[in-house]
Amino acid sequence: MTTALRTGRRLIVTTALLAAAVGCSDGGSSAASCSGLVTFQNRGYLPAVNVDFTVGEKLGAATVPECDDTNHPDAAVPEGKTTAYAVEGMDPSLAIAVGDTPAEATLMRVHEEVR
């Protein structure tokens, strides 16, 4: 994978997670598409903060949904993919870690079933 592609993928995940932390808004209301949601195996996961965790084995690809709820076309983030990892001591139906590498992975906790 090229450095540019790695950087682009990292930017997508970072943008989605940052949007969850600071809140992406449209007209003053919270916007679901920028909530930091990542989907994996028909479940939605949101970032967990201030939790120690250990990354386990690679599980597969997770999806970062498109974030386009501003009035600025240049600010839209297209749908992307990132790697999902197991979290030691936790069932993947409850928590996963996502990132381009285990060292860059962020803990995500299950939020909802995705249909």
PDB file of N, CA and C in Angstrom:
ATOM      1  N   MET A   1       0.860  -1.172   0.000  1.00  0.00           N
ATOM      2  CA  MET A   1       0.000   0.000   0.000  1.00  0.00           C
ATOM      3  C   MET A   1       0.904   1.234   0.000  1.00  0.00           C
ATOM      4  N   THR A   2       0.555   2.214  -0.804  1.00  0.00           N
ATOM      5  CA  THR A   2       1.365   3.423  -0.894  1.00  0.00           C
ATOM      6  C   THR A   2       1.177   4.301   0.334  1.00  0.00           C
ATOM      7  N   THR A   3       2.144   5.169   0.551  1.00  0.00           N
ATOM      8  CA  THR A   3       2.064   6.100   1.685  1.00  0.00           C
ATOM      9  C   THR A   3       0.846   7.001   1.547  1.00  0.00           C
ATOM     10  N   ALA A   4       0.549   7.447   0.332  1.00  0.00           N
ATOM     11  CA  ALA A   4      -0.611   8.322   0.115  1.00  0.00           C
ATOM     12  C   ALA A   4      -1.910   7.605   0.462  1.00  0.00           C
ATOM     13  N   LEU A   5      -2.021   6.329   0.087  1.00  0.00           N
ATOM     14  CA  LEU A   5      -3.233   5.577   0.395  1.00  0.00           C
ATOM     15  C   LEU A   5      -3.368   5.360   1.897  1.00  0.00           C
ATOM     16  N   ARG A   6      -2.243   5.024   2.572  1.00  0.00           N
ATOM     17  CA  ARG A   6      -2.284   4.858   4.026  1.00  0.00           C
ATOM     18  C   ARG A   6      -2.698   6.161   4.701  1.00  0.00           C
ATOM     19  N   THR A   7      -2.140   7.262   4.234  1.00  0.00           N
ATOM     20  CA  THR A   7      -2.473   8.564   4.809  1.00  0.00           C
ATOM     21  C   THR A   7      -3.944   8.885   4.596  1.00  0.00           C
ATOM     22  N   GLY A   8      -4.465   8.598   3.404  1.00  0.00           N
ATOM     23  CA  GLY A   8      -5.880   8.846   3.114  1.00  0.00           C
ATOM     24  C   GLY A   8      -6.787   8.021   3.998  1.00  0.00           C
ATOM     25  N   ARG A   9      -6.471   6.742   4.167  1.00  0.00           N
ATOM     26  CA  ARG A   9      -7.285   5.874   5.017  1.00  0.00           C
ATOM     27  C   ARG A   9      -7.218   6.340   6.465  1.00  0.00           C
ATOM     28  N   ARG A  10      -6.036   6.725   6.912  1.00  0.00           N
ATOM     29  CA  ARG A  10      -5.874   7.208   8.288  1.00  0.00           C
ATOM     30  C   ARG A  10      -6.694   8.483   8.486  1.00  0.00           C
ATOM     31  N   LEU A  11      -6.705   9.349   7.479  1.00  0.00           N
ATOM     32  CA  LEU A  11      -7.466  10.598   7.552  1.00  0.00           C
ATOM     33  C   LEU A  11      -8.958  10.326   7.674  1.00  0.00           C
ATOM     34  N   ILE A  12      -9.460   9.334   6.945  1.00  0.00           N
ATOM     35  CA  ILE A  12     -10.888   8.999   7.015  1.00  0.00           C
ATOM     36  C   ILE A  12     -11.259   8.557   8.426  1.00  0.00           C
ATOM     37  N   VAL A  13     -10.491   7.638   8.984  1.00  0.00           N
ATOM     38  CA  VAL A  13     -10.795   7.151  10.333  1.00  0.00           C
ATOM     39  C   VAL A  13     -10.639   8.274  11.350  1.00  0.00           C
ATOM     40  N   THR A  14      -9.560   9.038  11.243  1.00  0.00           N
ATOM     41  CA  THR A  14      -9.325  10.129  12.183  1.00  0.00           C
ATOM     42  C   THR A  14     -10.446  11.159  12.112  1.00  0.00           C
ATOM     43  N   THR A  15     -10.886  11.496  10.914  1.00  0.00           N
ATOM     44  CA  THR A  15     -11.966  12.472  10.748  1.00  0.00           C
ATOM     45  C   THR A  15     -13.257  11.967  11.382  1.00  0.00           C
ATOM     46  N   ALA A  16     -13.573  10.708  11.151  1.00  0.00           N
ATOM     47  CA  ALA A  16     -14.797  10.151  11.726  1.00  0.00           C
ATOM     48  C   ALA A  16     -14.732  10.147  13.249  1.00  0.00           C
ATOM     49  N   LEU A  17     -13.589   9.766  13.787  1.00  0.00           N
ATOM     50  CA  LEU A  17     -13.460   9.726  15.243  1.00  0.00           C
ATOM     51  C   LEU A  17     -13.424  11.128  15.839  1.00  0.00           C
ATOM     52  N   LEU A  18     -12.784  12.063  15.161  1.00  0.00           N
ATOM     53  CA  LEU A  18     -12.750  13.440  15.630  1.00  0.00           C
ATOM     54  C   LEU A  18     -14.154  14.033  15.620  1.00  0.00           C
ATOM     55  N   ALA A  19     -14.921  13.731  14.590  1.00  0.00           N
ATOM     56  CA  ALA A  19     -16.292  14.234  14.519  1.00  0.00           C
ATOM     57  C   ALA A  19     -17.103  13.733  15.709  1.00  0.00           C
ATOM     58  N   ALA A  20     -16.843  12.509  16.128  1.00  0.00           N
ATOM     59  CA  ALA A  20     -17.555  11.971  17.293  1.00  0.00           C
ATOM     60  C   ALA A  20     -17.163  12.716  18.553  1.00  0.00           C
ATOM     61  N   ALA A  21     -15.905  13.066  18.656  1.00  0.00           N
ATOM     62  CA  ALA A  21     -15.428  13.729  19.865  1.00  0.00           C
ATOM     63  C   ALA A  21     -15.932  15.157  19.985  1.00  0.00           C
ATOM     64  N   VAL A  22     -15.932  15.911  18.878  1.00  0.00           N
ATOM     65  CA  VAL A  22     -16.313  17.316  18.953  1.00  0.00           C
ATOM     66  C   VAL A  22     -17.726  17.573  18.472  1.00  0.00           C
ATOM     67  N   GLY A  23     -18.331  16.602  17.815  1.00  0.00           N
ATOM     68  CA  GLY A  23     -19.699  16.762  17.334  1.00  0.00           C
ATOM     69  C   GLY A  23     -19.751  17.501  16.016  1.00  0.00           C
ATOM     70  N   CYS A  24     -20.279  16.867  15.036  1.00  0.00           N
ATOM     71  CA  CYS A  24     -20.455  17.468  13.726  1.00  0.00           C
ATOM     72  C   CYS A  24     -21.889  17.978  13.702  1.00  0.00           C
ATOM     73  N   SER A  25     -22.108  19.201  13.263  1.00  0.00           N
ATOM     74  CA  SER A  25     -23.459  19.716  13.339  1.00  0.00           C
ATOM     75  C   SER A  25     -23.915  20.325  12.038  1.00  0.00           C
ATOM     76  N   ASP A  26     -25.229  20.412  11.906  1.00  0.00           N
ATOM     77  CA  ASP A  26     -25.865  21.007  10.745  1.00  0.00           C
ATOM     78  C   ASP A  26     -27.036  21.820  11.263  1.00  0.00           C
ATOM     79  N   GLY A  27     -26.857  23.119  11.316  1.00  0.00           N
ATOM     80  CA  GLY A  27     -27.924  23.973  11.804  1.00  0.00           C
ATOM     81  C   GLY A  27     -28.138  23.851  13.305  1.00  0.00           C
ATOM     82  N   GLY A  28     -27.105  23.458  14.043  1.00  0.00           N
ATOM     83  CA  GLY A  28     -27.219  23.402  15.483  1.00  0.00           C
ATOM     84  C   GLY A  28     -27.643  22.072  16.049  1.00  0.00           C
ATOM     85  N   SER A  29     -28.008  21.109  15.195  1.00  0.00           N
ATOM     86  CA  SER A  29     -28.408  19.812  15.727  1.00  0.00           C
ATOM     87  C   SER A  29     -27.333  18.781  15.454  1.00  0.00           C
ATOM     88  N   SER A  30     -27.263  17.775  16.311  1.00  0.00           N
ATOM     89  CA  SER A  30     -26.270  16.726  16.136  1.00  0.00           C
ATOM     90  C   SER A  30     -26.567  15.939  14.877  1.00  0.00           C
ATOM     91  N   ALA A  31     -25.530  15.559  14.152  1.00  0.00           N
ATOM     92  CA  ALA A  31     -25.704  14.864  12.884  1.00  0.00           C
ATOM     93  C   ALA A  31     -25.216  13.429  13.004  1.00  0.00           C
ATOM     94  N   ALA A  32     -26.094  12.486  12.720  1.00  0.00           N
ATOM     95  CA  ALA A  32     -25.772  11.079  12.874  1.00  0.00           C
ATOM     96  C   ALA A  32     -24.665  10.626  11.941  1.00  0.00           C
ATOM     97  N   SER A  33     -24.581  11.169  10.739  1.00  0.00           N
ATOM     98  CA  SER A  33     -23.586  10.676   9.798  1.00  0.00           C
ATOM     99  C   SER A  33     -22.169  11.009  10.225  1.00  0.00           C
ATOM    100  N   CYS A  34     -21.978  11.922  11.146  1.00  0.00           N
ATOM    101  CA  CYS A  34     -20.640  12.275  11.630  1.00  0.00           C
ATOM    102  C   CYS A  34     -20.461  11.862  13.090  1.00  0.00           C
ATOM    103  N   SER A  35     -21.139  10.839  13.490  1.00  0.00           N
ATOM    104  CA  SER A  35     -21.104  10.435  14.894  1.00  0.00           C
ATOM    105  C   SER A  35     -19.872   9.628  15.260  1.00  0.00           C
ATOM    106  N   GLY A  36     -19.043   9.272  14.291  1.00  0.00           N
ATOM    107  CA  GLY A  36     -17.887   8.430  14.558  1.00  0.00           C
ATOM    108  C   GLY A  36     -18.217   6.960  14.404  1.00  0.00           C
ATOM    109  N   LEU A  37     -19.410   6.671  13.920  1.00  0.00           N
ATOM    110  CA  LEU A  37     -19.876   5.298  13.751  1.00  0.00           C
ATOM    111  C   LEU A  37     -18.997   4.538  12.773  1.00  0.00           C
ATOM    112  N   VAL A  38     -18.654   3.314  13.141  1.00  0.00           N
ATOM    113  CA  VAL A  38     -17.951   2.368  12.280  1.00  0.00           C
ATOM    114  C   VAL A  38     -18.785   1.102  12.289  1.00  0.00           C
ATOM    115  N   THR A  39     -18.983   0.482  11.131  1.00  0.00           N
ATOM    116  CA  THR A  39     -19.770  -0.741  11.087  1.00  0.00           C
ATOM    117  C   THR A  39     -18.886  -1.944  10.804  1.00  0.00           C
ATOM    118  N   PHE A  40     -19.239  -3.061  11.453  1.00  0.00           N
ATOM    119  CA  PHE A  40     -18.525  -4.321  11.276  1.00  0.00           C
ATOM    120  C   PHE A  40     -19.486  -5.454  11.602  1.00  0.00           C
ATOM    121  N   GLN A  41     -19.656  -6.386  10.673  1.00  0.00           N
ATOM    122  CA  GLN A  41     -20.519  -7.553  10.846  1.00  0.00           C
ATOM    123  C   GLN A  41     -21.909  -7.178  11.362  1.00  0.00           C
ATOM    124  N   ASN A  42     -22.551  -6.257  10.668  1.00  0.00           N
ATOM    125  CA  ASN A  42     -23.925  -5.831  10.954  1.00  0.00           C
ATOM    126  C   ASN A  42     -24.118  -5.196  12.328  1.00  0.00           C
ATOM    127  N   ARG A  43     -23.032  -4.612  12.859  1.00  0.00           N
ATOM    128  CA  ARG A  43     -23.132  -3.875  14.123  1.00  0.00           C
ATOM    129  C   ARG A  43     -22.485  -2.516  13.946  1.00  0.00           C
ATOM    130  N   GLY A  44     -23.043  -1.529  14.624  1.00  0.00           N
ATOM    131  CA  GLY A  44     -22.445  -0.203  14.640  1.00  0.00           C
ATOM    132  C   GLY A  44     -21.646  -0.027  15.924  1.00  0.00           C
ATOM    133  N   TYR A  45     -20.471   0.557  15.801  1.00  0.00           N
ATOM    134  CA  TYR A  45     -19.597   0.787  16.947  1.00  0.00           C
ATOM    135  C   TYR A  45     -19.250   2.263  17.023  1.00  0.00           C
ATOM    136  N   LEU A  46     -19.174   2.775  18.242  1.00  0.00           N
ATOM    137  CA  LEU A  46     -18.775   4.158  18.479  1.00  0.00           C
ATOM    138  C   LEU A  46     -17.491   4.182  19.309  1.00  0.00           C
ATOM    139  N   PRO A  47     -16.698   5.249  19.176  1.00  0.00           N
ATOM    140  CA  PRO A  47     -15.436   5.331  19.922  1.00  0.00           C
ATOM    141  C   PRO A  47     -15.647   5.308  21.437  1.00  0.00           C
ATOM    142  N   ALA A  48     -14.751   4.623  22.108  1.00  0.00           N
ATOM    143  CA  ALA A  48     -14.714   4.606  23.573  1.00  0.00           C
ATOM    144  C   ALA A  48     -13.468   5.386  23.978  1.00  0.00           C
ATOM    145  N   VAL A  49     -13.597   6.243  24.966  1.00  0.00           N
ATOM    146  CA  VAL A  49     -12.456   7.064  25.385  1.00  0.00           C
ATOM    147  C   VAL A  49     -12.019   6.708  26.790  1.00  0.00           C
ATOM    148  N   ASN A  50     -10.751   6.992  27.060  1.00  0.00           N
ATOM    149  CA  ASN A  50     -10.171   6.786  28.386  1.00  0.00           C
ATOM    150  C   ASN A  50     -10.313   5.353  28.896  1.00  0.00           C
ATOM    151  N   VAL A  51     -10.120   4.376  27.997  1.00  0.00           N
ATOM    152  CA  VAL A  51     -10.195   2.971  28.360  1.00  0.00           C
ATOM    153  C   VAL A  51      -8.918   2.290  27.880  1.00  0.00           C
ATOM    154  N   ASP A  52      -8.218   1.625  28.771  1.00  0.00           N
ATOM    155  CA  ASP A  52      -7.044   0.857  28.370  1.00  0.00           C
ATOM    156  C   ASP A  52      -7.507  -0.427  27.703  1.00  0.00           C
ATOM    157  N   PHE A  53      -6.816  -0.833  26.637  1.00  0.00           N
ATOM    158  CA  PHE A  53      -7.169  -2.061  25.940  1.00  0.00           C
ATOM    159  C   PHE A  53      -5.939  -2.592  25.218  1.00  0.00           C
ATOM    160  N   THR A  54      -5.998  -3.874  24.884  1.00  0.00           N
ATOM    161  CA  THR A  54      -4.927  -4.510  24.132  1.00  0.00           C
ATOM    162  C   THR A  54      -5.512  -5.055  22.845  1.00  0.00           C
ATOM    163  N   VAL A  55      -4.898  -4.698  21.732  1.00  0.00           N
ATOM    164  CA  VAL A  55      -5.362  -5.140  20.419  1.00  0.00           C
ATOM    165  C   VAL A  55      -5.016  -6.612  20.231  1.00  0.00           C
ATOM    166  N   GLY A  56      -5.988  -7.362  19.730  1.00  0.00           N
ATOM    167  CA  GLY A  56      -5.801  -8.780  19.442  1.00  0.00           C
ATOM    168  C   GLY A  56      -5.633  -9.016  17.949  1.00  0.00           C
ATOM    169  N   GLU A  57      -6.123 -10.141  17.489  1.00  0.00           N
ATOM    170  CA  GLU A  57      -5.956 -10.548  16.092  1.00  0.00           C
ATOM    171  C   GLU A  57      -6.810  -9.722  15.127  1.00  0.00           C
ATOM    172  N   LYS A  58      -6.364  -9.694  13.876  1.00  0.00           N
ATOM    173  CA  LYS A  58      -7.094  -9.007  12.806  1.00  0.00           C
ATOM    174  C   LYS A  58      -8.384  -9.771  12.524  1.00  0.00           C
ATOM    175  N   LEU A  59      -9.514  -9.034  12.452  1.00  0.00           N
ATOM    176  CA  LEU A  59     -10.816  -9.644  12.212  1.00  0.00           C
ATOM    177  C   LEU A  59     -11.299  -9.465  10.777  1.00  0.00           C
ATOM    178  N   GLY A  60     -10.916  -8.375  10.138  1.00  0.00           N
ATOM    179  CA  GLY A  60     -11.395  -8.098   8.781  1.00  0.00           C
ATOM    180  C   GLY A  60     -11.560  -6.608   8.567  1.00  0.00           C
ATOM    181  N   ALA A  61     -12.388  -6.261   7.575  1.00  0.00           N
ATOM    182  CA  ALA A  61     -12.595  -4.855   7.212  1.00  0.00           C
ATOM    183  C   ALA A  61     -13.829  -4.288   7.897  1.00  0.00           C
ATOM    184  N   ALA A  62     -13.699  -3.071   8.395  1.00  0.00           N
ATOM    185  CA  ALA A  62     -14.815  -2.311   8.959  1.00  0.00           C
ATOM    186  C   ALA A  62     -15.076  -1.127   8.031  1.00  0.00           C
ATOM    187  N   THR A  63     -16.293  -0.631   8.039  1.00  0.00           N
ATOM    188  CA  THR A  63     -16.689   0.479   7.170  1.00  0.00           C
ATOM    189  C   THR A  63     -16.869   1.753   7.980  1.00  0.00           C
ATOM    190  N   VAL A  64     -16.302   2.830   7.463  1.00  0.00           N
ATOM    191  CA  VAL A  64     -16.505   4.163   8.028  1.00  0.00           C
ATOM    192  C   VAL A  64     -17.503   4.854   7.092  1.00  0.00           C
ATOM    193  N   PRO A  65     -18.753   5.076   7.541  1.00  0.00           N
ATOM    194  CA  PRO A  65     -19.762   5.668   6.660  1.00  0.00           C
ATOM    195  C   PRO A  65     -19.382   7.080   6.201  1.00  0.00           C
ATOM    196  N   GLU A  66     -19.943   7.476   5.064  1.00  0.00           N
ATOM    197  CA  GLU A  66     -19.733   8.819   4.532  1.00  0.00           C
ATOM    198  C   GLU A  66     -20.201   9.848   5.550  1.00  0.00           C
ATOM    199  N   CYS A  67     -19.476  10.946   5.627  1.00  0.00           N
ATOM    200  CA  CYS A  67     -19.850  12.055   6.490  1.00  0.00           C
ATOM    201  C   CYS A  67     -19.988  13.285   5.593  1.00  0.00           C
ATOM    202  N   ASP A  68     -21.215  13.714   5.364  1.00  0.00           N
ATOM    203  CA  ASP A  68     -21.454  14.850   4.490  1.00  0.00           C
ATOM    204  C   ASP A  68     -22.646  15.634   4.997  1.00  0.00           C
ATOM    205  N   ASP A  69     -22.528  16.210   6.178  1.00  0.00           N
ATOM    206  CA  ASP A  69     -23.656  16.951   6.726  1.00  0.00           C
ATOM    207  C   ASP A  69     -23.310  18.406   7.024  1.00  0.00           C
ATOM    208  N   THR A  70     -22.407  18.939   6.230  1.00  0.00           N
ATOM    209  CA  THR A  70     -22.101  20.363   6.316  1.00  0.00           C
ATOM    210  C   THR A  70     -22.491  21.008   4.996  1.00  0.00           C
ATOM    211  N   ASN A  71     -22.416  22.294   4.950  1.00  0.00           N
ATOM    212  CA  ASN A  71     -22.697  23.003   3.699  1.00  0.00           C
ATOM    213  C   ASN A  71     -21.424  23.242   2.894  1.00  0.00           C
ATOM    214  N   HIS A  72     -20.351  22.549   3.260  1.00  0.00           N
ATOM    215  CA  HIS A  72     -19.063  22.726   2.600  1.00  0.00           C
ATOM    216  C   HIS A  72     -18.686  21.452   1.856  1.00  0.00           C
ATOM    217  N   PRO A  73     -18.822  21.429   0.526  1.00  0.00           N
ATOM    218  CA  PRO A  73     -18.521  20.219  -0.246  1.00  0.00           C
ATOM    219  C   PRO A  73     -17.108  19.695  -0.018  1.00  0.00           C
ATOM    220  N   ASP A  74     -16.154  20.585   0.227  1.00  0.00           N
ATOM    221  CA  ASP A  74     -14.772  20.151   0.441  1.00  0.00           C
ATOM    222  C   ASP A  74     -14.589  19.468   1.792  1.00  0.00           C
ATOM    223  N   ALA A  75     -15.544  19.597   2.697  1.00  0.00           N
ATOM    224  CA  ALA A  75     -15.420  19.011   4.026  1.00  0.00           C
ATOM    225  C   ALA A  75     -15.994  17.593   4.087  1.00  0.00           C
ATOM    226  N   ALA A  76     -16.679  17.151   3.029  1.00  0.00           N
ATOM    227  CA  ALA A  76     -17.283  15.823   3.014  1.00  0.00           C
ATOM    228  C   ALA A  76     -16.199  14.752   3.036  1.00  0.00           C
ATOM    229  N   VAL A  77     -16.462  13.693   3.788  1.00  0.00           N
ATOM    230  CA  VAL A  77     -15.544  12.556   3.862  1.00  0.00           C
ATOM    231  C   VAL A  77     -16.269  11.356   3.246  1.00  0.00           C
ATOM    232  N   PRO A  78     -15.703  10.762   2.201  1.00  0.00           N
ATOM    233  CA  PRO A  78     -16.368   9.624   1.557  1.00  0.00           C
ATOM    234  C   PRO A  78     -16.324   8.381   2.434  1.00  0.00           C
ATOM    235  N   GLU A  79     -17.199   7.415   2.131  1.00  0.00           N
ATOM    236  CA  GLU A  79     -17.160   6.141   2.847  1.00  0.00           C
ATOM    237  C   GLU A  79     -15.783   5.522   2.682  1.00  0.00           C
ATOM    238  N   GLY A  80     -15.317   4.889   3.718  1.00  0.00           N
ATOM    239  CA  GLY A  80     -13.995   4.271   3.655  1.00  0.00           C
ATOM    240  C   GLY A  80     -13.967   2.948   4.385  1.00  0.00           C
ATOM    241  N   LYS A  81     -12.847   2.296   4.295  1.00  0.00           N
ATOM    242  CA  LYS A  81     -12.627   1.022   4.979  1.00  0.00           C
ATOM    243  C   LYS A  81     -11.419   1.150   5.897  1.00  0.00           C
ATOM    244  N   THR A  82     -11.441   0.420   6.967  1.00  0.00           N
ATOM    245  CA  THR A  82     -10.318   0.332   7.887  1.00  0.00           C
ATOM    246  C   THR A  82     -10.282  -1.096   8.411  1.00  0.00           C
ATOM    247  N   THR A  83      -9.264  -1.435   9.140  1.00  0.00           N
ATOM    248  CA  THR A  83      -9.129  -2.794   9.658  1.00  0.00           C
ATOM    249  C   THR A  83      -9.743  -2.899  11.041  1.00  0.00           C
ATOM    250  N   ALA A  84     -10.493  -3.976  11.248  1.00  0.00           N
ATOM    251  CA  ALA A  84     -11.069  -4.272  12.562  1.00  0.00           C
ATOM    252  C   ALA A  84     -10.193  -5.323  13.237  1.00  0.00           C
ATOM    253  N   TYR A  85      -9.924  -5.110  14.515  1.00  0.00           N
ATOM    254  CA  TYR A  85      -9.129  -6.035  15.317  1.00  0.00           C
ATOM    255  C   TYR A  85      -9.932  -6.458  16.537  1.00  0.00           C
ATOM    256  N   ALA A  86      -9.664  -7.655  17.008  1.00  0.00           N
ATOM    257  CA  ALA A  86     -10.250  -8.100  18.268  1.00  0.00           C
ATOM    258  C   ALA A  86      -9.622  -7.291  19.403  1.00  0.00           C
ATOM    259  N   VAL A  87     -10.326  -7.217  20.511  1.00  0.00           N
ATOM    260  CA  VAL A  87      -9.810  -6.593  21.719  1.00  0.00           C
ATOM    261  C   VAL A  87      -9.668  -7.724  22.736  1.00  0.00           C
ATOM    262  N   GLU A  88      -8.465  -7.893  23.243  1.00  0.00           N
ATOM    263  CA  GLU A  88      -8.221  -8.993  24.181  1.00  0.00           C
ATOM    264  C   GLU A  88      -9.161  -8.905  25.378  1.00  0.00           C
ATOM    265  N   GLY A  89      -9.782 -10.055  25.677  1.00  0.00           N
ATOM    266  CA  GLY A  89     -10.679 -10.143  26.823  1.00  0.00           C
ATOM    267  C   GLY A  89     -12.094  -9.665  26.549  1.00  0.00           C
ATOM    268  N   MET A  90     -12.397  -9.261  25.301  1.00  0.00           N
ATOM    269  CA  MET A  90     -13.742  -8.772  24.975  1.00  0.00           C
ATOM    270  C   MET A  90     -14.271  -9.487  23.738  1.00  0.00           C
ATOM    271  N   ASP A  91     -15.538  -9.802  23.751  1.00  0.00           N
ATOM    272  CA  ASP A  91     -16.176 -10.422  22.600  1.00  0.00           C
ATOM    273  C   ASP A  91     -16.337  -9.360  21.504  1.00  0.00           C
ATOM    274  N   PRO A  92     -16.024  -9.686  20.242  1.00  0.00           N
ATOM    275  CA  PRO A  92     -16.177  -8.702  19.160  1.00  0.00           C
ATOM    276  C   PRO A  92     -17.611  -8.192  18.973  1.00  0.00           C
ATOM    277  N   SER A  93     -18.583  -8.908  19.507  1.00  0.00           N
ATOM    278  CA  SER A  93     -19.955  -8.400  19.422  1.00  0.00           C
ATOM    279  C   SER A  93     -20.168  -7.235  20.390  1.00  0.00           C
ATOM    280  N   LEU A  94     -19.200  -7.001  21.299  1.00  0.00           N
ATOM    281  CA  LEU A  94     -19.290  -5.910  22.259  1.00  0.00           C
ATOM    282  C   LEU A  94     -18.282  -4.797  22.004  1.00  0.00           C
ATOM    283  N   ALA A  95     -17.091  -5.162  21.498  1.00  0.00           N
ATOM    284  CA  ALA A  95     -16.056  -4.153  21.264  1.00  0.00           C
ATOM    285  C   ALA A  95     -15.049  -4.668  20.240  1.00  0.00           C
ATOM    286  N   ILE A  96     -14.540  -3.738  19.439  1.00  0.00           N
ATOM    287  CA  ILE A  96     -13.461  -4.010  18.501  1.00  0.00           C
ATOM    288  C   ILE A  96     -12.503  -2.821  18.557  1.00  0.00           C
ATOM    289  N   ALA A  97     -11.366  -2.980  17.938  1.00  0.00           N
ATOM    290  CA  ALA A  97     -10.451  -1.863  17.744  1.00  0.00           C
ATOM    291  C   ALA A  97     -10.337  -1.665  16.238  1.00  0.00           C
ATOM    292  N   VAL A  98     -10.230  -0.420  15.782  1.00  0.00           N
ATOM    293  CA  VAL A  98     -10.108  -0.154  14.351  1.00  0.00           C
ATOM    294  C   VAL A  98      -8.937   0.777  14.087  1.00  0.00           C
ATOM    295  N   GLY A  99      -8.276   0.529  12.963  1.00  0.00           N
ATOM    296  CA  GLY A  99      -7.154   1.358  12.545  1.00  0.00           C
ATOM    297  C   GLY A  99      -6.363   0.668  11.455  1.00  0.00           C
ATOM    298  N   ASP A 100      -5.462   1.391  10.829  1.00  0.00           N
ATOM    299  CA  ASP A 100      -4.644   0.810   9.772  1.00  0.00           C
ATOM    300  C   ASP A 100      -3.658  -0.217  10.315  1.00  0.00           C
ATOM    301  N   THR A 101      -3.200  -0.037  11.547  1.00  0.00           N
ATOM    302  CA  THR A 101      -2.289  -0.977  12.189  1.00  0.00           C
ATOM    303  C   THR A 101      -2.743  -1.166  13.630  1.00  0.00           C
ATOM    304  N   PRO A 102      -2.314  -2.250  14.277  1.00  0.00           N
ATOM    305  CA  PRO A 102      -2.673  -2.425  15.693  1.00  0.00           C
ATOM    306  C   PRO A 102      -2.196  -1.263  16.564  1.00  0.00           C
ATOM    307  N   ALA A 103      -1.047  -0.701  16.242  1.00  0.00           N
ATOM    308  CA  ALA A 103      -0.510   0.409  17.045  1.00  0.00           C
ATOM    309  C   ALA A 103      -1.364   1.676  16.932  1.00  0.00           C
ATOM    310  N   GLU A 104      -2.078   1.838  15.826  1.00  0.00           N
ATOM    311  CA  GLU A 104      -2.902   3.032  15.597  1.00  0.00           C
ATOM    312  C   GLU A 104      -4.375   2.801  15.922  1.00  0.00           C
ATOM    313  N   ALA A 105      -4.719   1.599  16.372  1.00  0.00           N
ATOM    314  CA  ALA A 105      -6.124   1.236  16.556  1.00  0.00           C
ATOM    315  C   ALA A 105      -6.781   2.000  17.700  1.00  0.00           C
ATOM    316  N   THR A 106      -8.059   2.274  17.499  1.00  0.00           N
ATOM    317  CA  THR A 106      -8.908   2.968  18.473  1.00  0.00           C
ATOM    318  C   THR A 106      -9.974   2.001  18.961  1.00  0.00           C
ATOM    319  N   LEU A 107     -10.250   2.013  20.244  1.00  0.00           N
ATOM    320  CA  LEU A 107     -11.280   1.145  20.814  1.00  0.00           C
ATOM    321  C   LEU A 107     -12.661   1.650  20.420  1.00  0.00           C
ATOM    322  N   MET A 108     -13.513   0.719  19.985  1.00  0.00           N
ATOM    323  CA  MET A 108     -14.883   1.034  19.595  1.00  0.00           C
ATOM    324  C   MET A 108     -15.815   0.074  20.341  1.00  0.00           C
ATOM    325  N   ARG A 109     -16.884   0.607  20.897  1.00  0.00           N
ATOM    326  CA  ARG A 109     -17.867  -0.231  21.604  1.00  0.00           C
ATOM    327  C   ARG A 109     -19.148  -0.308  20.792  1.00  0.00           C
ATOM    328  N   VAL A 110     -19.811  -1.471  20.873  1.00  0.00           N
ATOM    329  CA  VAL A 110     -21.027  -1.681  20.099  1.00  0.00           C
ATOM    330  C   VAL A 110     -22.068  -0.643  20.495  1.00  0.00           C
ATOM    331  N   HIS A 111     -22.784  -0.183  19.483  1.00  0.00           N
ATOM    332  CA  HIS A 111     -23.824   0.821  19.677  1.00  0.00           C
ATOM    333  C   HIS A 111     -25.184   0.289  19.233  1.00  0.00           C
ATOM    334  N   GLU A 112     -25.201  -0.407  18.087  1.00  0.00           N
ATOM    335  CA  GLU A 112     -26.492  -0.841  17.539  1.00  0.00           C
ATOM    336  C   GLU A 112     -26.299  -1.912  16.490  1.00  0.00           C
ATOM    337  N   GLU A 113     -27.367  -2.646  16.218  1.00  0.00           N
ATOM    338  CA  GLU A 113     -27.395  -3.564  15.090  1.00  0.00           C
ATOM    339  C   GLU A 113     -27.672  -2.732  13.844  1.00  0.00           C
ATOM    340  N   VAL A 114     -26.956  -3.011  12.773  1.00  0.00           N
ATOM    341  CA  VAL A 114     -27.133  -2.296  11.517  1.00  0.00           C
ATOM    342  C   VAL A 114     -27.864  -3.213  10.557  1.00  0.00           C
ATOM    343  N   ARG A 115     -28.908  -2.742   9.984  1.00  0.00           N
ATOM    344  CA  ARG A 115     -29.716  -3.567   9.052  1.00  0.00           C
ATOM    345  C   ARG A 115     -29.371  -3.240   7.641  1.00  0.00           C
TER     346      ARG A 115
END
